N, C-alpha and C. Protein backbone atom coordinates (compact mmCIF):
# COMPACT_ATOMS: atom_id res chain seq x y z
N LYS A 1 -4.61 55.71 109.43
CA LYS A 1 -4.29 56.79 108.50
C LYS A 1 -5.48 57.73 108.35
N SER A 2 -5.19 58.97 108.22
CA SER A 2 -6.26 59.95 108.03
C SER A 2 -6.73 59.95 106.59
N ILE A 3 -8.00 60.16 106.38
CA ILE A 3 -8.58 60.19 105.03
C ILE A 3 -8.57 61.62 104.53
N PRO A 4 -7.93 61.86 103.34
CA PRO A 4 -7.90 63.24 102.82
C PRO A 4 -9.31 63.76 102.54
N ILE A 5 -9.50 64.99 102.86
CA ILE A 5 -10.79 65.64 102.65
C ILE A 5 -10.66 66.60 101.47
N ILE A 6 -11.47 66.41 100.46
CA ILE A 6 -11.45 67.26 99.26
C ILE A 6 -12.52 68.32 99.40
N LEU A 7 -12.11 69.55 99.43
CA LEU A 7 -13.04 70.67 99.54
C LEU A 7 -13.42 71.15 98.15
N ILE A 8 -14.66 71.21 97.88
CA ILE A 8 -15.15 71.62 96.57
C ILE A 8 -15.81 72.99 96.68
N ASN A 9 -15.35 73.90 95.83
CA ASN A 9 -15.95 75.23 95.78
C ASN A 9 -17.15 75.16 94.84
N PHE A 10 -18.32 74.93 95.43
CA PHE A 10 -19.53 74.73 94.61
C PHE A 10 -19.87 75.98 93.79
N LYS A 11 -19.57 77.14 94.33
CA LYS A 11 -19.86 78.38 93.59
C LYS A 11 -19.02 78.46 92.32
N LEU A 12 -17.71 78.07 92.45
CA LEU A 12 -16.83 78.08 91.29
C LEU A 12 -17.25 77.03 90.27
N MET A 13 -17.63 75.86 90.73
CA MET A 13 -18.07 74.80 89.84
C MET A 13 -19.33 75.21 89.08
N LYS A 14 -20.21 75.92 89.75
CA LYS A 14 -21.46 76.37 89.10
C LYS A 14 -21.15 77.34 87.98
N ARG A 15 -20.21 78.28 88.25
CA ARG A 15 -19.83 79.25 87.22
C ARG A 15 -19.19 78.55 86.02
N LEU A 16 -18.33 77.57 86.32
CA LEU A 16 -17.67 76.83 85.25
C LEU A 16 -18.67 76.08 84.39
N LEU A 17 -19.66 75.47 85.02
CA LEU A 17 -20.68 74.74 84.29
C LEU A 17 -21.49 75.66 83.38
N ILE A 18 -21.84 76.85 83.90
CA ILE A 18 -22.59 77.82 83.10
C ILE A 18 -21.76 78.28 81.90
N TYR A 19 -20.45 78.49 82.14
CA TYR A 19 -19.56 78.92 81.06
C TYR A 19 -19.46 77.87 79.97
N LEU A 20 -19.30 76.61 80.36
CA LEU A 20 -19.18 75.53 79.38
C LEU A 20 -20.46 75.37 78.57
N CYS A 21 -21.61 75.54 79.23
CA CYS A 21 -22.89 75.46 78.50
C CYS A 21 -23.01 76.58 77.49
N ALA A 22 -22.57 77.79 77.88
CA ALA A 22 -22.65 78.95 76.98
C ALA A 22 -21.76 78.75 75.77
N VAL A 23 -20.54 78.23 75.99
CA VAL A 23 -19.62 77.97 74.88
C VAL A 23 -20.19 76.93 73.94
N SER A 24 -20.83 75.90 74.49
CA SER A 24 -21.42 74.85 73.67
C SER A 24 -22.54 75.38 72.80
N ILE A 25 -23.38 76.23 73.37
CA ILE A 25 -24.50 76.82 72.61
C ILE A 25 -23.98 77.74 71.51
N LEU A 26 -22.96 78.55 71.85
CA LEU A 26 -22.38 79.47 70.86
C LEU A 26 -21.76 78.72 69.70
N ALA A 27 -21.03 77.65 70.02
CA ALA A 27 -20.38 76.87 68.97
C ALA A 27 -21.39 76.24 68.03
N SER A 28 -22.54 75.84 68.56
CA SER A 28 -23.57 75.22 67.72
C SER A 28 -24.24 76.22 66.80
N CYS A 29 -24.15 77.51 67.16
CA CYS A 29 -24.79 78.56 66.35
C CYS A 29 -23.89 79.08 65.24
N ILE A 30 -22.57 78.88 65.38
CA ILE A 30 -21.62 79.39 64.40
C ILE A 30 -21.54 78.43 63.22
N LYS A 31 -21.76 78.94 62.02
CA LYS A 31 -21.66 78.13 60.81
C LYS A 31 -20.45 78.56 60.02
N LEU A 32 -19.48 77.68 59.89
CA LEU A 32 -18.28 77.98 59.12
C LEU A 32 -18.59 77.96 57.63
N PRO A 33 -17.85 78.72 56.83
CA PRO A 33 -18.08 78.70 55.38
C PRO A 33 -17.98 77.30 54.81
N ASP A 34 -18.93 76.93 53.97
CA ASP A 34 -18.95 75.60 53.37
C ASP A 34 -18.25 75.66 52.03
N ILE A 35 -16.94 75.40 52.03
CA ILE A 35 -16.13 75.45 50.82
C ILE A 35 -15.72 74.05 50.44
N ASP A 36 -16.11 73.61 49.28
CA ASP A 36 -15.81 72.26 48.83
C ASP A 36 -14.43 72.23 48.20
N VAL A 37 -13.49 71.60 48.86
CA VAL A 37 -12.14 71.47 48.32
C VAL A 37 -11.78 70.00 48.14
N SER A 38 -12.81 69.17 47.98
CA SER A 38 -12.58 67.73 47.92
C SER A 38 -11.99 67.27 46.60
N GLY A 39 -12.14 68.06 45.56
CA GLY A 39 -11.62 67.62 44.27
C GLY A 39 -11.52 68.77 43.29
N GLU A 40 -10.85 68.52 42.21
CA GLU A 40 -10.67 69.55 41.19
C GLU A 40 -12.00 69.90 40.56
N SER A 41 -12.21 71.20 40.31
CA SER A 41 -13.44 71.66 39.70
C SER A 41 -13.35 71.51 38.18
N GLN A 42 -14.16 70.65 37.62
CA GLN A 42 -14.17 70.47 36.17
C GLN A 42 -14.73 71.71 35.48
N GLU A 43 -15.64 72.41 36.17
CA GLU A 43 -16.21 73.64 35.60
C GLU A 43 -15.13 74.71 35.45
N ALA A 44 -14.28 74.84 36.48
CA ALA A 44 -13.20 75.82 36.41
C ALA A 44 -12.20 75.44 35.32
N LYS A 45 -11.91 74.16 35.22
CA LYS A 45 -10.97 73.69 34.19
C LYS A 45 -11.52 73.95 32.79
N ALA A 46 -12.81 73.68 32.59
CA ALA A 46 -13.43 73.92 31.29
C ALA A 46 -13.44 75.41 30.96
N ALA A 47 -13.69 76.24 31.97
CA ALA A 47 -13.70 77.69 31.75
C ALA A 47 -12.32 78.19 31.36
N LEU A 48 -11.28 77.64 32.00
CA LEU A 48 -9.91 78.03 31.66
C LEU A 48 -9.59 77.68 30.22
N LEU A 49 -9.91 76.46 29.80
CA LEU A 49 -9.60 76.04 28.43
C LEU A 49 -10.42 76.80 27.41
N ALA A 50 -11.59 77.28 27.81
CA ALA A 50 -12.40 78.11 26.91
C ALA A 50 -11.75 79.48 26.72
N GLN A 51 -11.12 80.00 27.78
CA GLN A 51 -10.42 81.28 27.70
C GLN A 51 -9.06 81.16 27.03
N PHE A 52 -8.35 80.10 27.40
CA PHE A 52 -6.98 79.91 26.91
C PHE A 52 -6.87 78.49 26.35
N SER A 53 -7.20 78.35 25.09
CA SER A 53 -7.27 77.01 24.49
C SER A 53 -5.92 76.30 24.47
N SER A 54 -4.81 77.07 24.47
CA SER A 54 -3.49 76.45 24.42
C SER A 54 -2.84 76.31 25.80
N ALA A 55 -3.64 76.50 26.85
CA ALA A 55 -3.09 76.44 28.20
C ALA A 55 -2.57 75.04 28.53
N ASN A 56 -1.41 75.00 29.12
CA ASN A 56 -0.82 73.76 29.60
C ASN A 56 -0.96 73.73 31.12
N ILE A 57 -2.01 73.08 31.61
CA ILE A 57 -2.32 73.10 33.04
C ILE A 57 -1.29 72.27 33.81
N LYS A 58 -0.71 72.88 34.84
CA LYS A 58 0.31 72.22 35.65
C LYS A 58 -0.31 71.60 36.91
N ASN A 59 -1.05 72.37 37.65
CA ASN A 59 -1.68 71.89 38.87
C ASN A 59 -2.78 72.85 39.29
N TRP A 60 -3.47 72.52 40.37
CA TRP A 60 -4.55 73.37 40.86
C TRP A 60 -4.48 73.45 42.37
N ASP A 61 -5.14 74.47 42.91
CA ASP A 61 -5.17 74.68 44.36
C ASP A 61 -6.50 75.33 44.71
N SER A 62 -6.80 75.40 45.98
CA SER A 62 -8.03 76.06 46.45
C SER A 62 -7.66 76.97 47.61
N ARG A 63 -8.05 78.25 47.50
CA ARG A 63 -7.70 79.21 48.54
C ARG A 63 -8.68 80.36 48.55
N LEU A 64 -9.03 80.84 49.75
CA LEU A 64 -9.94 81.98 49.90
C LEU A 64 -11.30 81.73 49.24
N GLY A 65 -11.65 80.45 49.06
CA GLY A 65 -12.92 80.13 48.42
C GLY A 65 -12.84 80.11 46.90
N TYR A 66 -11.64 80.28 46.34
CA TYR A 66 -11.44 80.27 44.89
C TYR A 66 -10.72 78.99 44.47
N ILE A 67 -10.88 78.64 43.21
CA ILE A 67 -10.10 77.58 42.59
C ILE A 67 -8.98 78.23 41.80
N LEU A 68 -7.72 77.84 42.07
CA LEU A 68 -6.56 78.39 41.37
C LEU A 68 -6.01 77.33 40.42
N LEU A 69 -5.89 77.70 39.16
CA LEU A 69 -5.31 76.80 38.15
C LEU A 69 -3.98 77.39 37.69
N ASN A 70 -2.92 76.64 37.90
CA ASN A 70 -1.59 77.07 37.47
C ASN A 70 -1.30 76.47 36.10
N PHE A 71 -0.89 77.32 35.14
CA PHE A 71 -0.67 76.85 33.79
C PHE A 71 0.37 77.71 33.09
N THR A 72 0.80 77.26 31.94
CA THR A 72 1.73 78.04 31.13
C THR A 72 1.09 78.32 29.78
N LEU A 73 1.52 79.41 29.15
CA LEU A 73 1.08 79.78 27.82
C LEU A 73 2.30 80.06 26.96
N ASP A 74 2.30 79.55 25.75
CA ASP A 74 3.39 79.84 24.82
C ASP A 74 3.26 81.26 24.31
N VAL A 75 4.36 81.96 24.27
CA VAL A 75 4.38 83.32 23.73
C VAL A 75 5.37 83.36 22.58
N GLU A 76 5.16 84.31 21.69
CA GLU A 76 6.02 84.41 20.52
C GLU A 76 7.41 84.89 20.90
N ASN A 77 8.41 84.21 20.37
CA ASN A 77 9.81 84.60 20.54
C ASN A 77 10.20 84.78 22.01
N GLY A 78 9.77 83.86 22.84
CA GLY A 78 10.11 83.97 24.26
C GLY A 78 9.79 82.70 25.01
N THR A 79 10.15 82.70 26.30
CA THR A 79 9.84 81.55 27.15
C THR A 79 8.35 81.57 27.49
N PRO A 80 7.77 80.42 27.77
CA PRO A 80 6.35 80.37 28.11
C PRO A 80 6.02 81.24 29.32
N ALA A 81 4.86 81.87 29.30
CA ALA A 81 4.43 82.69 30.42
C ALA A 81 3.84 81.81 31.51
N ASN A 82 4.25 82.07 32.74
CA ASN A 82 3.66 81.37 33.88
C ASN A 82 2.40 82.10 34.31
N CYS A 83 1.32 81.35 34.48
CA CYS A 83 0.02 81.98 34.74
C CYS A 83 -0.70 81.29 35.89
N VAL A 84 -1.54 82.07 36.57
CA VAL A 84 -2.46 81.55 37.59
C VAL A 84 -3.82 82.18 37.33
N ALA A 85 -4.83 81.35 37.18
CA ALA A 85 -6.19 81.85 36.95
C ALA A 85 -7.05 81.52 38.15
N TRP A 86 -7.87 82.49 38.54
CA TRP A 86 -8.75 82.35 39.71
C TRP A 86 -10.20 82.22 39.25
N TYR A 87 -10.87 81.15 39.67
CA TYR A 87 -12.28 80.90 39.35
C TYR A 87 -13.00 80.49 40.63
N ASP A 88 -14.32 80.54 40.59
CA ASP A 88 -15.06 79.86 41.65
C ASP A 88 -15.36 78.45 41.17
N ARG A 89 -15.98 77.65 42.02
CA ARG A 89 -16.18 76.24 41.68
C ARG A 89 -17.15 76.07 40.51
N ASN A 90 -17.95 77.11 40.21
CA ASN A 90 -18.87 77.02 39.08
C ASN A 90 -18.25 77.48 37.78
N GLY A 91 -16.99 77.87 37.81
CA GLY A 91 -16.31 78.28 36.59
C GLY A 91 -16.35 79.77 36.30
N LYS A 92 -16.83 80.59 37.25
CA LYS A 92 -16.82 82.04 37.04
C LYS A 92 -15.40 82.56 37.21
N TRP A 93 -14.94 83.34 36.25
CA TRP A 93 -13.57 83.85 36.25
C TRP A 93 -13.46 85.15 37.02
N TYR A 94 -12.39 85.28 37.83
CA TYR A 94 -12.16 86.48 38.62
C TYR A 94 -10.84 87.18 38.31
N LEU A 95 -9.79 86.41 38.00
CA LEU A 95 -8.48 87.04 37.81
C LEU A 95 -7.53 86.07 37.12
N THR A 96 -6.65 86.64 36.28
CA THR A 96 -5.55 85.86 35.70
C THR A 96 -4.25 86.61 35.94
N GLU A 97 -3.26 85.92 36.50
CA GLU A 97 -1.93 86.46 36.69
C GLU A 97 -1.03 85.87 35.61
N SER A 98 -0.33 86.73 34.87
CA SER A 98 0.54 86.26 33.78
C SER A 98 1.91 86.93 33.88
N SER A 99 2.96 86.11 33.85
CA SER A 99 4.31 86.68 33.92
C SER A 99 4.62 87.44 32.65
N MET A 100 5.43 88.47 32.79
CA MET A 100 5.80 89.29 31.65
C MET A 100 7.16 89.92 31.92
N LYS A 101 7.72 90.59 30.90
CA LYS A 101 9.00 91.26 31.05
C LYS A 101 8.78 92.71 31.47
N TYR A 102 9.75 93.25 32.19
CA TYR A 102 9.66 94.63 32.64
C TYR A 102 9.51 95.58 31.45
N GLN A 103 10.20 95.28 30.36
CA GLN A 103 10.16 96.14 29.18
C GLN A 103 8.77 96.17 28.54
N GLU A 104 7.93 95.20 28.87
CA GLU A 104 6.59 95.14 28.28
C GLU A 104 5.56 95.92 29.08
N LEU A 105 5.95 96.47 30.22
CA LEU A 105 5.02 97.25 31.04
C LEU A 105 4.63 98.55 30.33
N PRO A 106 3.45 99.09 30.62
CA PRO A 106 3.09 100.41 30.08
C PRO A 106 4.10 101.46 30.54
N ALA A 107 4.33 102.45 29.69
CA ALA A 107 5.31 103.49 30.01
C ALA A 107 4.97 104.21 31.31
N ALA A 108 3.69 104.38 31.59
CA ALA A 108 3.28 105.07 32.82
C ALA A 108 3.71 104.29 34.06
N VAL A 109 3.69 102.98 33.97
CA VAL A 109 4.07 102.14 35.12
C VAL A 109 5.58 102.19 35.34
N THR A 110 6.36 102.02 34.26
CA THR A 110 7.82 102.06 34.41
C THR A 110 8.28 103.44 34.89
N ALA A 111 7.63 104.49 34.41
CA ALA A 111 8.00 105.84 34.83
C ALA A 111 7.70 106.03 36.32
N ALA A 112 6.56 105.51 36.77
CA ALA A 112 6.20 105.63 38.18
C ALA A 112 7.18 104.87 39.07
N PHE A 113 7.56 103.68 38.63
CA PHE A 113 8.51 102.89 39.44
C PHE A 113 9.87 103.57 39.48
N GLU A 114 10.39 103.97 38.32
CA GLU A 114 11.73 104.54 38.25
C GLU A 114 11.82 105.92 38.89
N GLY A 115 10.68 106.56 39.11
CA GLY A 115 10.68 107.85 39.78
C GLY A 115 10.14 107.78 41.20
N GLY A 116 9.93 106.55 41.70
CA GLY A 116 9.32 106.39 43.01
C GLY A 116 10.30 106.00 44.10
N ASP A 117 9.77 105.66 45.26
CA ASP A 117 10.57 105.35 46.44
C ASP A 117 11.31 104.02 46.34
N PHE A 118 10.90 103.16 45.39
CA PHE A 118 11.49 101.82 45.31
C PHE A 118 12.44 101.65 44.13
N LYS A 119 12.86 102.75 43.53
CA LYS A 119 13.65 102.69 42.30
C LYS A 119 14.99 101.98 42.49
N ASP A 120 15.52 101.96 43.71
CA ASP A 120 16.80 101.32 43.95
C ASP A 120 16.68 99.85 44.31
N CYS A 121 15.47 99.34 44.36
CA CYS A 121 15.25 97.92 44.66
C CYS A 121 15.46 97.07 43.41
N ASN A 122 15.70 95.80 43.63
CA ASN A 122 15.83 94.86 42.52
C ASN A 122 14.46 94.31 42.14
N ILE A 123 14.18 94.21 40.85
CA ILE A 123 12.93 93.64 40.37
C ILE A 123 13.16 92.17 40.07
N GLU A 124 12.48 91.31 40.81
CA GLU A 124 12.66 89.87 40.65
C GLU A 124 11.71 89.28 39.61
N GLU A 125 10.50 89.82 39.53
CA GLU A 125 9.53 89.33 38.55
C GLU A 125 8.45 90.38 38.35
N VAL A 126 7.78 90.30 37.20
CA VAL A 126 6.70 91.22 36.84
C VAL A 126 5.52 90.41 36.33
N TYR A 127 4.32 90.79 36.74
CA TYR A 127 3.11 90.09 36.31
C TYR A 127 2.03 91.07 35.88
N CYS A 128 1.26 90.65 34.90
CA CYS A 128 0.04 91.36 34.52
C CYS A 128 -1.12 90.70 35.24
N LEU A 129 -1.97 91.51 35.86
CA LEU A 129 -3.13 91.02 36.59
C LEU A 129 -4.38 91.48 35.85
N ASP A 130 -5.01 90.54 35.18
CA ASP A 130 -6.16 90.85 34.32
C ASP A 130 -7.43 90.34 34.98
N ALA A 131 -8.38 91.23 35.22
CA ALA A 131 -9.66 90.89 35.84
C ALA A 131 -10.79 91.41 34.95
N PRO A 132 -12.04 90.98 35.19
CA PRO A 132 -13.14 91.43 34.33
C PRO A 132 -13.29 92.94 34.27
N GLU A 133 -12.98 93.65 35.37
CA GLU A 133 -13.25 95.08 35.40
C GLU A 133 -12.00 95.95 35.45
N PHE A 134 -10.82 95.36 35.50
CA PHE A 134 -9.61 96.16 35.56
C PHE A 134 -8.39 95.33 35.16
N THR A 135 -7.32 96.03 34.85
CA THR A 135 -6.00 95.42 34.61
C THR A 135 -4.99 96.16 35.46
N GLU A 136 -4.16 95.42 36.16
CA GLU A 136 -3.10 96.01 36.96
C GLU A 136 -1.80 95.27 36.70
N TYR A 137 -0.71 95.83 37.23
CA TYR A 137 0.61 95.23 37.05
C TYR A 137 1.29 95.12 38.41
N ALA A 138 1.90 93.98 38.65
CA ALA A 138 2.52 93.73 39.95
C ALA A 138 3.98 93.35 39.78
N MET A 139 4.76 93.69 40.79
CA MET A 139 6.18 93.36 40.80
C MET A 139 6.56 92.75 42.14
N LEU A 140 7.50 91.82 42.10
CA LEU A 140 8.17 91.35 43.31
C LEU A 140 9.52 92.05 43.35
N ILE A 141 9.76 92.82 44.41
CA ILE A 141 11.02 93.54 44.54
C ILE A 141 11.75 93.08 45.80
N THR A 142 13.06 93.21 45.77
CA THR A 142 13.88 92.90 46.94
C THR A 142 14.81 94.07 47.20
N GLY A 143 15.22 94.22 48.44
CA GLY A 143 16.08 95.33 48.82
C GLY A 143 15.64 95.86 50.17
N LYS A 144 15.99 97.09 50.47
CA LYS A 144 15.58 97.72 51.72
C LYS A 144 14.31 98.50 51.47
N ILE A 145 13.20 97.96 51.96
CA ILE A 145 11.89 98.52 51.68
C ILE A 145 11.30 99.10 52.97
N TYR A 146 10.92 100.37 52.92
CA TYR A 146 10.42 101.08 54.11
C TYR A 146 11.43 101.02 55.25
N GLY A 147 12.71 100.88 54.92
CA GLY A 147 13.74 100.92 55.92
C GLY A 147 14.01 99.63 56.65
N TYR A 148 13.17 98.60 56.43
CA TYR A 148 13.39 97.37 57.20
C TYR A 148 13.07 96.09 56.42
N ALA A 149 12.11 96.13 55.53
CA ALA A 149 11.66 94.90 54.86
C ALA A 149 12.65 94.47 53.79
N GLN A 150 12.69 93.18 53.51
CA GLN A 150 13.62 92.64 52.53
C GLN A 150 12.96 92.35 51.19
N SER A 151 11.64 92.24 51.15
CA SER A 151 10.94 91.97 49.89
C SER A 151 9.57 92.61 49.93
N GLY A 152 8.97 92.74 48.76
CA GLY A 152 7.65 93.37 48.71
C GLY A 152 6.95 93.15 47.39
N PHE A 153 5.63 93.25 47.42
CA PHE A 153 4.79 93.27 46.23
C PHE A 153 4.38 94.71 45.97
N LEU A 154 4.48 95.14 44.74
CA LEU A 154 3.97 96.45 44.33
C LEU A 154 2.90 96.25 43.28
N TYR A 155 1.78 96.95 43.42
CA TYR A 155 0.67 96.86 42.48
C TYR A 155 0.45 98.25 41.86
N TYR A 156 0.51 98.30 40.54
CA TYR A 156 0.32 99.56 39.83
C TYR A 156 -0.92 99.48 38.93
N LYS A 157 -1.65 100.59 38.89
CA LYS A 157 -2.73 100.70 37.92
C LYS A 157 -2.13 101.04 36.55
N GLU A 158 -2.95 100.94 35.53
CA GLU A 158 -2.45 101.18 34.17
C GLU A 158 -1.93 102.60 33.99
N ASN A 159 -2.45 103.56 34.77
CA ASN A 159 -2.00 104.95 34.65
C ASN A 159 -0.75 105.23 35.47
N GLY A 160 -0.19 104.20 36.12
CA GLY A 160 1.04 104.38 36.87
C GLY A 160 0.84 104.63 38.35
N THR A 161 -0.39 104.70 38.82
CA THR A 161 -0.64 104.92 40.25
C THR A 161 -0.25 103.69 41.05
N LEU A 162 0.57 103.89 42.08
CA LEU A 162 0.91 102.79 42.98
C LEU A 162 -0.31 102.47 43.82
N HIS A 163 -0.88 101.32 43.59
CA HIS A 163 -2.16 100.95 44.18
C HIS A 163 -2.00 100.35 45.57
N ILE A 164 -1.18 99.31 45.68
CA ILE A 164 -0.96 98.62 46.94
C ILE A 164 0.52 98.28 47.06
N SER A 165 1.06 98.35 48.26
CA SER A 165 2.41 97.84 48.52
C SER A 165 2.33 96.90 49.71
N ILE A 166 2.87 95.70 49.53
CA ILE A 166 2.86 94.68 50.57
C ILE A 166 4.31 94.39 50.95
N VAL A 167 4.65 94.54 52.22
CA VAL A 167 6.02 94.25 52.63
C VAL A 167 6.10 92.83 53.18
N ASN A 168 7.22 92.18 52.87
CA ASN A 168 7.46 90.80 53.31
C ASN A 168 6.25 89.89 53.07
N PRO A 169 5.81 89.77 51.82
CA PRO A 169 4.64 88.92 51.52
C PRO A 169 4.94 87.46 51.82
N ARG A 170 3.90 86.71 52.09
CA ARG A 170 4.06 85.28 52.35
C ARG A 170 4.62 84.58 51.11
N SER A 171 5.55 83.67 51.33
CA SER A 171 6.22 83.01 50.21
C SER A 171 5.28 82.11 49.41
N ASP A 172 4.20 81.65 50.04
CA ASP A 172 3.27 80.76 49.33
C ASP A 172 2.10 81.50 48.72
N TYR A 173 2.11 82.83 48.77
CA TYR A 173 1.03 83.63 48.20
C TYR A 173 1.39 84.10 46.80
N THR A 174 0.38 84.22 45.97
CA THR A 174 0.54 84.85 44.67
C THR A 174 0.00 86.27 44.77
N TYR A 175 0.11 87.02 43.70
CA TYR A 175 -0.38 88.40 43.73
C TYR A 175 -1.89 88.46 43.96
N GLY A 176 -2.60 87.46 43.46
CA GLY A 176 -4.05 87.46 43.61
C GLY A 176 -4.53 87.30 45.02
N ASP A 177 -3.72 86.68 45.89
CA ASP A 177 -4.12 86.50 47.28
C ASP A 177 -4.41 87.84 47.94
N TYR A 178 -3.57 88.82 47.67
CA TYR A 178 -3.77 90.13 48.27
C TYR A 178 -4.79 90.97 47.49
N LEU A 179 -4.82 90.81 46.19
CA LEU A 179 -5.74 91.61 45.39
C LEU A 179 -7.19 91.20 45.60
N LEU A 180 -7.43 89.91 45.81
CA LEU A 180 -8.79 89.41 45.99
C LEU A 180 -9.19 89.25 47.45
N ALA A 181 -8.26 89.49 48.37
CA ALA A 181 -8.58 89.34 49.80
C ALA A 181 -9.60 90.39 50.21
N PRO A 182 -10.46 90.08 51.19
CA PRO A 182 -11.51 91.03 51.62
C PRO A 182 -10.96 92.38 52.05
N ILE A 183 -9.73 92.42 52.60
CA ILE A 183 -9.19 93.69 53.08
C ILE A 183 -8.94 94.66 51.93
N CYS A 184 -8.77 94.14 50.73
CA CYS A 184 -8.45 94.97 49.57
C CYS A 184 -9.65 95.26 48.68
N LYS A 185 -10.70 94.45 48.81
CA LYS A 185 -11.82 94.57 47.88
C LYS A 185 -12.80 95.67 48.31
N LYS A 186 -13.41 96.29 47.34
CA LYS A 186 -14.46 97.27 47.57
C LYS A 186 -15.81 96.60 47.34
N GLY A 187 -16.86 97.31 47.73
CA GLY A 187 -18.19 96.73 47.63
C GLY A 187 -18.62 96.40 46.22
N ASP A 188 -18.06 97.12 45.23
CA ASP A 188 -18.46 96.85 43.85
C ASP A 188 -17.61 95.77 43.20
N GLY A 189 -16.70 95.18 43.99
CA GLY A 189 -15.90 94.08 43.45
C GLY A 189 -14.61 94.54 42.80
N SER A 190 -14.42 95.85 42.64
CA SER A 190 -13.18 96.34 42.06
C SER A 190 -12.27 96.83 43.17
N ASN A 191 -11.02 97.03 42.83
CA ASN A 191 -10.03 97.43 43.81
C ASN A 191 -9.57 98.83 43.46
N THR A 192 -10.06 99.84 44.17
CA THR A 192 -9.79 101.21 43.77
C THR A 192 -9.13 102.04 44.85
N ASP A 193 -8.67 101.42 45.92
CA ASP A 193 -8.02 102.14 46.99
C ASP A 193 -6.61 102.54 46.58
N SER A 194 -6.30 103.82 46.57
CA SER A 194 -4.99 104.27 46.13
C SER A 194 -4.01 104.40 47.28
N THR A 195 -4.42 104.06 48.50
CA THR A 195 -3.55 104.15 49.65
C THR A 195 -2.68 102.91 49.76
N PRO A 196 -1.33 103.08 49.83
CA PRO A 196 -0.48 101.90 49.97
C PRO A 196 -0.83 101.11 51.22
N LEU A 197 -0.79 99.82 51.12
CA LEU A 197 -1.12 98.93 52.23
C LEU A 197 0.11 98.15 52.62
N GLU A 198 0.49 98.24 53.88
CA GLU A 198 1.62 97.48 54.37
C GLU A 198 1.13 96.31 55.16
N ASN A 199 1.76 95.16 55.01
CA ASN A 199 1.40 93.96 55.76
C ASN A 199 2.42 93.71 56.86
């Protein structure tokens, strides 16, 4: 029987070896963000209870480097408000999302919505977004949005300016995911871009 002869392209093997070495060196130089998600932050929990002493904490999550605490607050003559508070692991507060009724929105916001491009959409929920340097209002709407989308987030400033519009938002995202994401943030930490953003 004849013995098979294996031909090796030494030039190709040399290039492959150089490539693998380069990838190995590059990988060793890249440092991924060190975000501790091993357990609930007691600092964030203490900060929440300091802000909202009557908060009924439901659960917590970690996303985008923030600690998210989901809780409810009792409101007068109504159902409890569903809330999400955003902190860092040291307990610094960044944002609170609180459910509210459409009728409780500032007049400038309702006027902007009812006179805008989305007036024929259905409003599924309304939230107040309270941060250290600003307050905004967000809505989840359903319907025909931009001619093709079935759902969207709308963010309004207190003066009624439509700040951000997100089409077909992820079902597991809250309003804060888009408001605090790097694509939306400015260098001073506030969100002042008045151009609608489509996802």
